[in-house]
Amino acid sequence: MDCIFCKIVNKDINADILFENDFFIVFSDIKPSAEIHKLIVPKRHIDNLLSFNDAEVLEYWSSLVDTINVVSDLLKTKDFKIVVNNGNLQQVKHLHIHFLSGMNVNDKVN
C-alpha cells in the first residue's frame, strides 16, 4: 500500500510521534494550521469516517476519546479544536483527526 500514514504507523517513515496506543498513533502535522497541530491516525488503514463497520465503531470511538484526553494532558491544553475531513476533502485518503490548539476558533483548517 502506498499510504503515507500507513508507512508512519509501520515506522517506515519517521514522524514526530507524541503518543500511540493499540488503535491510534499521534504525530505532528508537517504543515501545521495552528501553534499545536497533531494528527490522530488509526493504526489500521481506514479510508474515511464512513468506512467503519458496525462492530468496530464503538471500540474505535471509545479509544479516540481516551486518546484525545491523553493528548490534551500531554500538551497541557484543554482548549482545542477537533477537525475531521471526509472523502475528497481529505488530502491523505486515510482517516485522520486534526487536534488543533493555540489558534483563533474561526481560523481555517486544511
PDB file of N, CA and C in Angstrom:
ATOM      1  N   MET A   1       0.850  -1.188   0.000  1.00  0.00           N
ATOM      2  CA  MET A   1       0.000   0.000   0.000  1.00  0.00           C
ATOM      3  C   MET A   1       0.889   1.242   0.000  1.00  0.00           C
ATOM      4  N   ASP A   2       0.467   2.237  -0.729  1.00  0.00           N
ATOM      5  CA  ASP A   2       1.267   3.447  -0.876  1.00  0.00           C
ATOM      6  C   ASP A   2       0.694   4.595  -0.046  1.00  0.00           C
ATOM      7  N   CYS A   3       0.270   4.291   1.166  1.00  0.00           N
ATOM      8  CA  CYS A   3      -0.329   5.294   2.040  1.00  0.00           C
ATOM      9  C   CYS A   3       0.739   5.829   3.002  1.00  0.00           C
ATOM     10  N   ILE A   4       0.951   7.135   2.979  1.00  0.00           N
ATOM     11  CA  ILE A   4       1.984   7.728   3.828  1.00  0.00           C
ATOM     12  C   ILE A   4       1.687   7.515   5.318  1.00  0.00           C
ATOM     13  N   PHE A   5       0.421   7.551   5.714  1.00  0.00           N
ATOM     14  CA  PHE A   5       0.101   7.330   7.127  1.00  0.00           C
ATOM     15  C   PHE A   5       0.358   5.884   7.527  1.00  0.00           C
ATOM     16  N   CYS A   6       0.088   4.932   6.642  1.00  0.00           N
ATOM     17  CA  CYS A   6       0.403   3.525   6.936  1.00  0.00           C
ATOM     18  C   CYS A   6       1.920   3.354   7.091  1.00  0.00           C
ATOM     19  N   LYS A   7       2.685   4.064   6.289  1.00  0.00           N
ATOM     20  CA  LYS A   7       4.149   3.995   6.400  1.00  0.00           C
ATOM     21  C   LYS A   7       4.619   4.576   7.726  1.00  0.00           C
ATOM     22  N   ILE A   8       3.970   5.623   8.211  1.00  0.00           N
ATOM     23  CA  ILE A   8       4.308   6.185   9.527  1.00  0.00           C
ATOM     24  C   ILE A   8       3.934   5.194  10.621  1.00  0.00           C
ATOM     25  N   VAL A   9       2.752   4.604  10.533  1.00  0.00           N
ATOM     26  CA  VAL A   9       2.312   3.599  11.511  1.00  0.00           C
ATOM     27  C   VAL A   9       3.316   2.455  11.573  1.00  0.00           C
ATOM     28  N   ASN A  10       3.794   1.999  10.422  1.00  0.00           N
ATOM     29  CA  ASN A  10       4.737   0.878  10.346  1.00  0.00           C
ATOM     30  C   ASN A  10       6.178   1.286  10.622  1.00  0.00           C
ATOM     31  N   LYS A  11       6.381   2.587  10.900  1.00  0.00           N
ATOM     32  CA  LYS A  11       7.711   3.143  11.191  1.00  0.00           C
ATOM     33  C   LYS A  11       8.664   3.060   9.993  1.00  0.00           C
ATOM     34  N   ASP A  12       8.087   3.021   8.782  1.00  0.00           N
ATOM     35  CA  ASP A  12       8.886   3.069   7.560  1.00  0.00           C
ATOM     36  C   ASP A  12       9.300   4.498   7.240  1.00  0.00           C
ATOM     37  N   ILE A  13       8.542   5.459   7.774  1.00  0.00           N
ATOM     38  CA  ILE A  13       8.826   6.891   7.621  1.00  0.00           C
ATOM     39  C   ILE A  13       8.864   7.484   9.019  1.00  0.00           C
ATOM     40  N   ASN A  14       9.852   8.317   9.272  1.00  0.00           N
ATOM     41  CA  ASN A  14       9.947   8.977  10.568  1.00  0.00           C
ATOM     42  C   ASN A  14       8.879  10.052  10.706  1.00  0.00           C
ATOM     43  N   ALA A  15       8.417  10.197  11.935  1.00  0.00           N
ATOM     44  CA  ALA A  15       7.456  11.253  12.262  1.00  0.00           C
ATOM     45  C   ALA A  15       7.710  11.677  13.702  1.00  0.00           C
ATOM     46  N   ASP A  16       7.262  12.870  14.020  1.00  0.00           N
ATOM     47  CA  ASP A  16       7.372  13.388  15.382  1.00  0.00           C
ATOM     48  C   ASP A  16       6.202  12.821  16.191  1.00  0.00           C
ATOM     49  N   ILE A  17       6.389  11.603  16.689  1.00  0.00           N
ATOM     50  CA  ILE A  17       5.313  10.878  17.370  1.00  0.00           C
ATOM     51  C   ILE A  17       5.193  11.356  18.812  1.00  0.00           C
ATOM     52  N   LEU A  18       3.980  11.734  19.171  1.00  0.00           N
ATOM     53  CA  LEU A  18       3.680  12.175  20.528  1.00  0.00           C
ATOM     54  C   LEU A  18       3.202  11.020  21.391  1.00  0.00           C
ATOM     55  N   PHE A  19       2.394  10.130  20.802  1.00  0.00           N
ATOM     56  CA  PHE A  19       1.729   9.099  21.585  1.00  0.00           C
ATOM     57  C   PHE A  19       1.209   8.018  20.649  1.00  0.00           C
ATOM     58  N   GLU A  20       1.126   6.797  21.167  1.00  0.00           N
ATOM     59  CA  GLU A  20       0.422   5.752  20.436  1.00  0.00           C
ATOM     60  C   GLU A  20      -0.131   4.724  21.408  1.00  0.00           C
ATOM     61  N   ASN A  21      -1.220   4.090  20.986  1.00  0.00           N
ATOM     62  CA  ASN A  21      -1.832   3.014  21.750  1.00  0.00           C
ATOM     63  C   ASN A  21      -2.197   1.912  20.752  1.00  0.00           C
ATOM     64  N   ASP A  22      -3.046   0.991  21.135  1.00  0.00           N
ATOM     65  CA  ASP A  22      -3.397  -0.114  20.237  1.00  0.00           C
ATOM     66  C   ASP A  22      -4.143   0.331  18.992  1.00  0.00           C
ATOM     67  N   PHE A  23      -4.870   1.437  19.072  1.00  0.00           N
ATOM     68  CA  PHE A  23      -5.724   1.864  17.967  1.00  0.00           C
ATOM     69  C   PHE A  23      -5.183   3.038  17.165  1.00  0.00           C
ATOM     70  N   PHE A  24      -4.485   3.964  17.818  1.00  0.00           N
ATOM     71  CA  PHE A  24      -4.100   5.219  17.176  1.00  0.00           C
ATOM     72  C   PHE A  24      -2.628   5.551  17.378  1.00  0.00           C
ATOM     73  N   ILE A  25      -2.116   6.330  16.455  1.00  0.00           N
ATOM     74  CA  ILE A  25      -0.809   6.951  16.587  1.00  0.00           C
ATOM     75  C   ILE A  25      -1.035   8.456  16.425  1.00  0.00           C
ATOM     76  N   VAL A  26      -0.313   9.250  17.209  1.00  0.00           N
ATOM     77  CA  VAL A  26      -0.485  10.710  17.194  1.00  0.00           C
ATOM     78  C   VAL A  26       0.858  11.338  16.867  1.00  0.00           C
ATOM     79  N   PHE A  27       0.872  12.178  15.855  1.00  0.00           N
ATOM     80  CA  PHE A  27       2.124  12.825  15.451  1.00  0.00           C
ATOM     81  C   PHE A  27       1.850  14.228  14.930  1.00  0.00           C
ATOM     82  N   SER A  28       2.920  15.013  14.800  1.00  0.00           N
ATOM     83  CA  SER A  28       2.807  16.400  14.339  1.00  0.00           C
ATOM     84  C   SER A  28       2.481  16.459  12.853  1.00  0.00           C
ATOM     85  N   ASP A  29       1.605  17.383  12.494  1.00  0.00           N
ATOM     86  CA  ASP A  29       1.302  17.660  11.091  1.00  0.00           C
ATOM     87  C   ASP A  29       2.498  18.391  10.487  1.00  0.00           C
ATOM     88  N   ILE A  30       2.917  17.998   9.288  1.00  0.00           N
ATOM     89  CA  ILE A  30       4.090  18.642   8.680  1.00  0.00           C
ATOM     90  C   ILE A  30       3.776  20.017   8.101  1.00  0.00           C
ATOM     91  N   LYS A  31       2.486  20.331   7.961  1.00  0.00           N
ATOM     92  CA  LYS A  31       2.057  21.660   7.504  1.00  0.00           C
ATOM     93  C   LYS A  31       1.040  22.188   8.512  1.00  0.00           C
ATOM     94  N   PRO A  32       1.503  22.574   9.694  1.00  0.00           N
ATOM     95  CA  PRO A  32       0.567  22.952  10.763  1.00  0.00           C
ATOM     96  C   PRO A  32      -0.295  24.161  10.417  1.00  0.00           C
ATOM     97  N   SER A  33      -1.553  24.073  10.857  1.00  0.00           N
ATOM     98  CA  SER A  33      -2.509  25.169  10.700  1.00  0.00           C
ATOM     99  C   SER A  33      -2.739  25.900  12.013  1.00  0.00           C
ATOM    100  N   ALA A  34      -1.990  25.517  13.040  1.00  0.00           N
ATOM    101  CA  ALA A  34      -2.123  26.135  14.355  1.00  0.00           C
ATOM    102  C   ALA A  34      -0.808  25.947  15.103  1.00  0.00           C
ATOM    103  N   GLU A  35      -0.676  26.667  16.212  1.00  0.00           N
ATOM    104  CA  GLU A  35       0.524  26.542  17.042  1.00  0.00           C
ATOM    105  C   GLU A  35       0.751  25.077  17.437  1.00  0.00           C
ATOM    106  N   ILE A  36      -0.311  24.397  17.813  1.00  0.00           N
ATOM    107  CA  ILE A  36      -0.269  22.955  18.076  1.00  0.00           C
ATOM    108  C   ILE A  36      -1.173  22.299  17.044  1.00  0.00           C
ATOM    109  N   HIS A  37      -0.595  21.408  16.243  1.00  0.00           N
ATOM    110  CA  HIS A  37      -1.371  20.703  15.218  1.00  0.00           C
ATOM    111  C   HIS A  37      -0.877  19.262  15.159  1.00  0.00           C
ATOM    112  N   LYS A  38      -1.640  18.379  15.768  1.00  0.00           N
ATOM    113  CA  LYS A  38      -1.320  16.952  15.784  1.00  0.00           C
ATOM    114  C   LYS A  38      -2.345  16.209  14.955  1.00  0.00           C
ATOM    115  N   LEU A  39      -1.931  15.091  14.401  1.00  0.00           N
ATOM    116  CA  LEU A  39      -2.832  14.201  13.684  1.00  0.00           C
ATOM    117  C   LEU A  39      -3.015  12.938  14.504  1.00  0.00           C
ATOM    118  N   ILE A  40      -4.246  12.555  14.691  1.00  0.00           N
ATOM    119  CA  ILE A  40      -4.590  11.315  15.373  1.00  0.00           C
ATOM    120  C   ILE A  40      -5.041  10.359  14.274  1.00  0.00           C
ATOM    121  N   VAL A  41      -4.257   9.305  14.069  1.00  0.00           N
ATOM    122  CA  VAL A  41      -4.446   8.431  12.915  1.00  0.00           C
ATOM    123  C   VAL A  41      -4.682   6.997  13.375  1.00  0.00           C
ATOM    124  N   PRO A  42      -5.739   6.351  12.888  1.00  0.00           N
ATOM    125  CA  PRO A  42      -5.928   4.936  13.210  1.00  0.00           C
ATOM    126  C   PRO A  42      -4.746   4.116  12.690  1.00  0.00           C
ATOM    127  N   LYS A  43      -4.308   3.155  13.468  1.00  0.00           N
ATOM    128  CA  LYS A  43      -3.201   2.307  13.036  1.00  0.00           C
ATOM    129  C   LYS A  43      -3.618   1.384  11.892  1.00  0.00           C
ATOM    130  N   ARG A  44      -4.879   0.988  11.870  1.00  0.00           N
ATOM    131  CA  ARG A  44      -5.392   0.199  10.755  1.00  0.00           C
ATOM    132  C   ARG A  44      -5.841   1.167   9.673  1.00  0.00           C
ATOM    133  N   HIS A  45      -5.540   0.852   8.430  1.00  0.00           N
ATOM    134  CA  HIS A  45      -5.962   1.735   7.342  1.00  0.00           C
ATOM    135  C   HIS A  45      -7.482   1.746   7.269  1.00  0.00           C
ATOM    136  N   ILE A  46      -8.041   2.913   7.491  1.00  0.00           N
ATOM    137  CA  ILE A  46      -9.478   3.154   7.363  1.00  0.00           C
ATOM    138  C   ILE A  46      -9.596   4.339   6.417  1.00  0.00           C
ATOM    139  N   ASP A  47     -10.260   4.138   5.300  1.00  0.00           N
ATOM    140  CA  ASP A  47     -10.298   5.179   4.265  1.00  0.00           C
ATOM    141  C   ASP A  47     -10.825   6.511   4.765  1.00  0.00           C
ATOM    142  N   ASN A  48     -11.983   6.472   5.444  1.00  0.00           N
ATOM    143  CA  ASN A  48     -12.586   7.722   5.882  1.00  0.00           C
ATOM    144  C   ASN A  48     -13.564   7.463   7.013  1.00  0.00           C
ATOM    145  N   LEU A  49     -14.177   8.496   7.473  1.00  0.00           N
ATOM    146  CA  LEU A  49     -15.073   8.431   8.627  1.00  0.00           C
ATOM    147  C   LEU A  49     -16.253   7.488   8.420  1.00  0.00           C
ATOM    148  N   LEU A  50     -16.656   7.290   7.189  1.00  0.00           N
ATOM    149  CA  LEU A  50     -17.812   6.451   6.905  1.00  0.00           C
ATOM    150  C   LEU A  50     -17.436   4.994   6.609  1.00  0.00           C
ATOM    151  N   SER A  51     -16.171   4.637   6.777  1.00  0.00           N
ATOM    152  CA  SER A  51     -15.690   3.301   6.417  1.00  0.00           C
ATOM    153  C   SER A  51     -15.666   2.302   7.569  1.00  0.00           C
ATOM    154  N   PHE A  52     -16.089   2.702   8.764  1.00  0.00           N
ATOM    155  CA  PHE A  52     -16.104   1.782   9.896  1.00  0.00           C
ATOM    156  C   PHE A  52     -17.216   0.753   9.710  1.00  0.00           C
ATOM    157  N   ASN A  53     -16.951  -0.491  10.135  1.00  0.00           N
ATOM    158  CA  ASN A  53     -18.056  -1.445  10.169  1.00  0.00           C
ATOM    159  C   ASN A  53     -18.717  -1.352  11.548  1.00  0.00           C
ATOM    160  N   ASP A  54     -19.932  -1.855  11.653  1.00  0.00           N
ATOM    161  CA  ASP A  54     -20.714  -1.719  12.887  1.00  0.00           C
ATOM    162  C   ASP A  54     -19.995  -2.259  14.111  1.00  0.00           C
ATOM    163  N   ALA A  55     -19.252  -3.336  13.958  1.00  0.00           N
ATOM    164  CA  ALA A  55     -18.605  -3.987  15.097  1.00  0.00           C
ATOM    165  C   ALA A  55     -17.478  -3.145  15.687  1.00  0.00           C
ATOM    166  N   GLU A  56     -16.852  -2.316  14.886  1.00  0.00           N
ATOM    167  CA  GLU A  56     -15.684  -1.585  15.390  1.00  0.00           C
ATOM    168  C   GLU A  56     -15.951  -0.137  15.774  1.00  0.00           C
ATOM    169  N   VAL A  57     -17.090   0.398  15.441  1.00  0.00           N
ATOM    170  CA  VAL A  57     -17.361   1.814  15.685  1.00  0.00           C
ATOM    171  C   VAL A  57     -17.192   2.175  17.157  1.00  0.00           C
ATOM    172  N   LEU A  58     -17.861   1.483  18.045  1.00  0.00           N
ATOM    173  CA  LEU A  58     -17.797   1.829  19.464  1.00  0.00           C
ATOM    174  C   LEU A  58     -16.393   1.664  20.025  1.00  0.00           C
ATOM    175  N   GLU A  59     -15.725   0.603  19.615  1.00  0.00           N
ATOM    176  CA  GLU A  59     -14.367   0.360  20.106  1.00  0.00           C
ATOM    177  C   GLU A  59     -13.420   1.479  19.689  1.00  0.00           C
ATOM    178  N   TYR A  60     -13.466   1.872  18.418  1.00  0.00           N
ATOM    179  CA  TYR A  60     -12.594   2.942  17.931  1.00  0.00           C
ATOM    180  C   TYR A  60     -12.954   4.287  18.541  1.00  0.00           C
ATOM    181  N   TRP A  61     -14.231   4.601  18.618  1.00  0.00           N
ATOM    182  CA  TRP A  61     -14.623   5.911  19.122  1.00  0.00           C
ATOM    183  C   TRP A  61     -14.374   6.036  20.614  1.00  0.00           C
ATOM    184  N   SER A  62     -14.505   4.961  21.341  1.00  0.00           N
ATOM    185  CA  SER A  62     -14.152   4.985  22.759  1.00  0.00           C
ATOM    186  C   SER A  62     -12.651   5.219  22.917  1.00  0.00           C
ATOM    187  N   SER A  63     -11.862   4.521  22.116  1.00  0.00           N
ATOM    188  CA  SER A  63     -10.413   4.714  22.157  1.00  0.00           C
ATOM    189  C   SER A  63     -10.025   6.117  21.697  1.00  0.00           C
ATOM    190  N   LEU A  64     -10.759   6.672  20.737  1.00  0.00           N
ATOM    191  CA  LEU A  64     -10.462   8.023  20.268  1.00  0.00           C
ATOM    192  C   LEU A  64     -10.646   9.040  21.386  1.00  0.00           C
ATOM    193  N   VAL A  65     -11.729   8.937  22.123  1.00  0.00           N
ATOM    194  CA  VAL A  65     -11.965   9.863  23.237  1.00  0.00           C
ATOM    195  C   VAL A  65     -10.843   9.727  24.267  1.00  0.00           C
ATOM    196  N   ASP A  66     -10.455   8.503  24.584  1.00  0.00           N
ATOM    197  CA  ASP A  66      -9.339   8.290  25.512  1.00  0.00           C
ATOM    198  C   ASP A  66      -8.049   8.912  24.969  1.00  0.00           C
ATOM    199  N   THR A  67      -7.806   8.730  23.680  1.00  0.00           N
ATOM    200  CA  THR A  67      -6.600   9.273  23.043  1.00  0.00           C
ATOM    201  C   THR A  67      -6.599  10.794  23.090  1.00  0.00           C
ATOM    202  N   ILE A  68      -7.723  11.415  22.798  1.00  0.00           N
ATOM    203  CA  ILE A  68      -7.822  12.875  22.851  1.00  0.00           C
ATOM    204  C   ILE A  68      -7.542  13.372  24.268  1.00  0.00           C
ATOM    205  N   ASN A  69      -8.043  12.679  25.274  1.00  0.00           N
ATOM    206  CA  ASN A  69      -7.754  13.055  26.665  1.00  0.00           C
ATOM    207  C   ASN A  69      -6.267  12.983  26.970  1.00  0.00           C
ATOM    208  N   VAL A  70      -5.607  11.933  26.522  1.00  0.00           N
ATOM    209  CA  VAL A  70      -4.164  11.790  26.754  1.00  0.00           C
ATOM    210  C   VAL A  70      -3.399  12.904  26.034  1.00  0.00           C
ATOM    211  N   VAL A  71      -3.752  13.152  24.785  1.00  0.00           N
ATOM    212  CA  VAL A  71      -3.077  14.197  24.005  1.00  0.00           C
ATOM    213  C   VAL A  71      -3.264  15.555  24.677  1.00  0.00           C
ATOM    214  N   SER A  72      -4.468  15.837  25.108  1.00  0.00           N
ATOM    215  CA  SER A  72      -4.755  17.082  25.811  1.00  0.00           C
ATOM    216  C   SER A  72      -3.886  17.217  27.062  1.00  0.00           C
ATOM    217  N   ASP A  73      -3.771  16.143  27.821  1.00  0.00           N
ATOM    218  CA  ASP A  73      -2.927  16.158  29.026  1.00  0.00           C
ATOM    219  C   ASP A  73      -1.451  16.331  28.677  1.00  0.00           C
ATOM    220  N   LEU A  74      -0.972  15.593  27.676  1.00  0.00           N
ATOM    221  CA  LEU A  74       0.438  15.689  27.287  1.00  0.00           C
ATOM    222  C   LEU A  74       0.801  17.085  26.795  1.00  0.00           C
ATOM    223  N   LEU A  75      -0.125  17.715  26.093  1.00  0.00           N
ATOM    224  CA  LEU A  75       0.124  19.052  25.547  1.00  0.00           C
ATOM    225  C   LEU A  75      -0.295  20.165  26.497  1.00  0.00           C
ATOM    226  N   LYS A  76      -0.835  19.756  27.644  1.00  0.00           N
ATOM    227  CA  LYS A  76      -1.239  20.700  28.693  1.00  0.00           C
ATOM    228  C   LYS A  76      -2.208  21.760  28.163  1.00  0.00           C
ATOM    229  N   THR A  77      -3.219  21.303  27.444  1.00  0.00           N
ATOM    230  CA  THR A  77      -4.247  22.218  26.955  1.00  0.00           C
ATOM    231  C   THR A  77      -5.615  21.547  27.000  1.00  0.00           C
ATOM    232  N   LYS A  78      -6.573  22.303  27.446  1.00  0.00           N
ATOM    233  CA  LYS A  78      -7.972  21.867  27.410  1.00  0.00           C
ATOM    234  C   LYS A  78      -8.744  22.687  26.381  1.00  0.00           C
ATOM    235  N   ASP A  79      -8.040  23.605  25.726  1.00  0.00           N
ATOM    236  CA  ASP A  79      -8.634  24.454  24.696  1.00  0.00           C
ATOM    237  C   ASP A  79      -8.145  23.976  23.336  1.00  0.00           C
ATOM    238  N   PHE A  80      -8.982  23.246  22.638  1.00  0.00           N
ATOM    239  CA  PHE A  80      -8.563  22.691  21.357  1.00  0.00           C
ATOM    240  C   PHE A  80      -9.767  22.506  20.445  1.00  0.00           C
ATOM    241  N   LYS A  81      -9.459  22.288  19.182  1.00  0.00           N
ATOM    242  CA  LYS A  81     -10.470  22.025  18.163  1.00  0.00           C
ATOM    243  C   LYS A  81     -10.138  20.677  17.534  1.00  0.00           C
ATOM    244  N   ILE A  82     -11.184  19.886  17.262  1.00  0.00           N
ATOM    245  CA  ILE A  82     -11.046  18.612  16.570  1.00  0.00           C
ATOM    246  C   ILE A  82     -11.696  18.766  15.202  1.00  0.00           C
ATOM    247  N   VAL A  83     -10.961  18.422  14.147  1.00  0.00           N
ATOM    248  CA  VAL A  83     -11.482  18.540  12.788  1.00  0.00           C
ATOM    249  C   VAL A  83     -11.261  17.215  12.065  1.00  0.00           C
ATOM    250  N   VAL A  84     -12.308  16.751  11.381  1.00  0.00           N
ATOM    251  CA  VAL A  84     -12.207  15.548  10.556  1.00  0.00           C
ATOM    252  C   VAL A  84     -12.736  15.891   9.167  1.00  0.00           C
ATOM    253  N   ASN A  85     -11.886  15.757   8.177  1.00  0.00           N
ATOM    254  CA  ASN A  85     -12.313  15.920   6.796  1.00  0.00           C
ATOM    255  C   ASN A  85     -12.712  14.551   6.259  1.00  0.00           C
ATOM    256  N   ASN A  86     -13.546  14.520   5.238  1.00  0.00           N
ATOM    257  CA  ASN A  86     -14.008  13.245   4.713  1.00  0.00           C
ATOM    258  C   ASN A  86     -14.055  13.283   3.193  1.00  0.00           C
ATOM    259  N   GLY A  87     -13.884  12.119   2.597  1.00  0.00           N
ATOM    260  CA  GLY A  87     -13.980  11.992   1.146  1.00  0.00           C
ATOM    261  C   GLY A  87     -12.951  12.831   0.422  1.00  0.00           C
ATOM    262  N   ASN A  88     -13.393  13.590  -0.562  1.00  0.00           N
ATOM    263  CA  ASN A  88     -12.472  14.390  -1.373  1.00  0.00           C
ATOM    264  C   ASN A  88     -11.861  15.562  -0.615  1.00  0.00           C
ATOM    265  N   LEU A  89     -12.337  15.848   0.589  1.00  0.00           N
ATOM    266  CA  LEU A  89     -11.728  16.903   1.402  1.00  0.00           C
ATOM    267  C   LEU A  89     -10.459  16.419   2.104  1.00  0.00           C
ATOM    268  N   GLN A  90     -10.228  15.112   2.093  1.00  0.00           N
ATOM    269  CA  GLN A  90      -9.018  14.554   2.702  1.00  0.00           C
ATOM    270  C   GLN A  90      -7.846  14.691   1.737  1.00  0.00           C
ATOM    271  N   GLN A  91      -6.726  15.202   2.234  1.00  0.00           N
ATOM    272  CA  GLN A  91      -5.523  15.237   1.409  1.00  0.00           C
ATOM    273  C   GLN A  91      -4.850  13.873   1.382  1.00  0.00           C
ATOM    274  N   VAL A  92      -4.953  13.128   2.472  1.00  0.00           N
ATOM    275  CA  VAL A  92      -4.462  11.754   2.545  1.00  0.00           C
ATOM    276  C   VAL A  92      -5.688  10.877   2.758  1.00  0.00           C
ATOM    277  N   LYS A  93      -5.855   9.874   1.935  1.00  0.00           N
ATOM    278  CA  LYS A  93      -7.045   9.008   1.984  1.00  0.00           C
ATOM    279  C   LYS A  93      -6.875   7.916   3.049  1.00  0.00           C
ATOM    280  N   HIS A  94      -6.645   8.363   4.257  1.00  0.00           N
ATOM    281  CA  HIS A  94      -6.564   7.508   5.448  1.00  0.00           C
ATOM    282  C   HIS A  94      -7.150   8.377   6.545  1.00  0.00           C
ATOM    283  N   LEU A  95      -8.189   7.881   7.194  1.00  0.00           N
ATOM    284  CA  LEU A  95      -8.843   8.680   8.222  1.00  0.00           C
ATOM    285  C   LEU A  95      -7.814   9.304   9.156  1.00  0.00           C
ATOM    286  N   HIS A  96      -7.970  10.589   9.425  1.00  0.00           N
ATOM    287  CA  HIS A  96      -7.113  11.267  10.397  1.00  0.00           C
ATOM    288  C   HIS A  96      -7.901  12.402  11.029  1.00  0.00           C
ATOM    289  N   ILE A  97      -7.621  12.595  12.301  1.00  0.00           N
ATOM    290  CA  ILE A  97      -8.317  13.592  13.093  1.00  0.00           C
ATOM    291  C   ILE A  97      -7.314  14.683  13.439  1.00  0.00           C
ATOM    292  N   HIS A  98      -7.634  15.918  13.128  1.00  0.00           N
ATOM    293  CA  HIS A  98      -6.760  17.048  13.443  1.00  0.00           C
ATOM    294  C   HIS A  98      -7.050  17.512  14.870  1.00  0.00           C
ATOM    295  N   PHE A  99      -6.011  17.608  15.684  1.00  0.00           N
ATOM    296  CA  PHE A  99      -6.085  18.164  17.035  1.00  0.00           C
ATOM    297  C   PHE A  99      -5.357  19.494  16.964  1.00  0.00           C
ATOM    298  N   LEU A 100      -6.112  20.595  17.137  1.00  0.00           N
ATOM    299  CA  LEU A 100      -5.547  21.937  16.969  1.00  0.00           C
ATOM    300  C   LEU A 100      -5.738  22.764  18.220  1.00  0.00           C
ATOM    301  N   SER A 101      -4.693  23.501  18.566  1.00  0.00           N
ATOM    302  CA  SER A 101      -4.765  24.400  19.716  1.00  0.00           C
ATOM    303  C   SER A 101      -3.839  25.585  19.468  1.00  0.00           C
ATOM    304  N   GLY A 102      -4.104  26.662  20.205  1.00  0.00           N
ATOM    305  CA  GLY A 102      -3.281  27.855  20.027  1.00  0.00           C
ATOM    306  C   GLY A 102      -3.657  28.619  18.773  1.00  0.00           C
ATOM    307  N   MET A 103      -4.949  28.688  18.504  1.00  0.00           N
ATOM    308  CA  MET A 103      -5.423  29.356  17.297  1.00  0.00           C
ATOM    309  C   MET A 103      -6.736  30.063  17.587  1.00  0.00           C
ATOM    310  N   ASN A 104      -7.111  30.923  16.683  1.00  0.00           N
ATOM    311  CA  ASN A 104      -8.429  31.536  16.737  1.00  0.00           C
ATOM    312  C   ASN A 104      -9.450  30.492  16.273  1.00  0.00           C
ATOM    313  N   VAL A 105     -10.541  30.325  16.972  1.00  0.00           N
ATOM    314  CA  VAL A 105     -11.518  29.287  16.629  1.00  0.00           C
ATOM    315  C   VAL A 105     -12.129  29.448  15.248  1.00  0.00           C
ATOM    316  N   ASN A 106     -12.000  30.618  14.644  1.00  0.00           N
ATOM    317  CA  ASN A 106     -12.540  30.837  13.308  1.00  0.00           C
ATOM    318  C   ASN A 106     -11.526  30.619  12.197  1.00  0.00           C
ATOM    319  N   ASP A 107     -10.285  30.307  12.559  1.00  0.00           N
ATOM    320  CA  ASP A 107      -9.249  30.083  11.553  1.00  0.00           C
ATOM    321  C   ASP A 107      -9.588  28.864  10.699  1.00  0.00           C
ATOM    322  N   LYS A 108      -9.228  28.920   9.429  1.00  0.00           N
ATOM    323  CA  LYS A 108      -9.463  27.822   8.501  1.00  0.00           C
ATOM    324  C   LYS A 108      -8.456  26.704   8.769  1.00  0.00           C
ATOM    325  N   VAL A 109      -8.904  25.473   8.642  1.00  0.00           N
ATOM    326  CA  VAL A 109      -8.038  24.307   8.812  1.00  0.00           C
ATOM    327  C   VAL A 109      -8.016  23.536   7.505  1.00  0.00           C
ATOM    328  N   ASN A 110      -6.829  23.214   7.032  1.00  0.00           N
ATOM    329  CA  ASN A 110      -6.686  22.411   5.804  1.00  0.00           C
ATOM    330  C   ASN A 110      -6.342  20.995   6.141  1.00  0.00           C
TER     331      ASN A 110
END
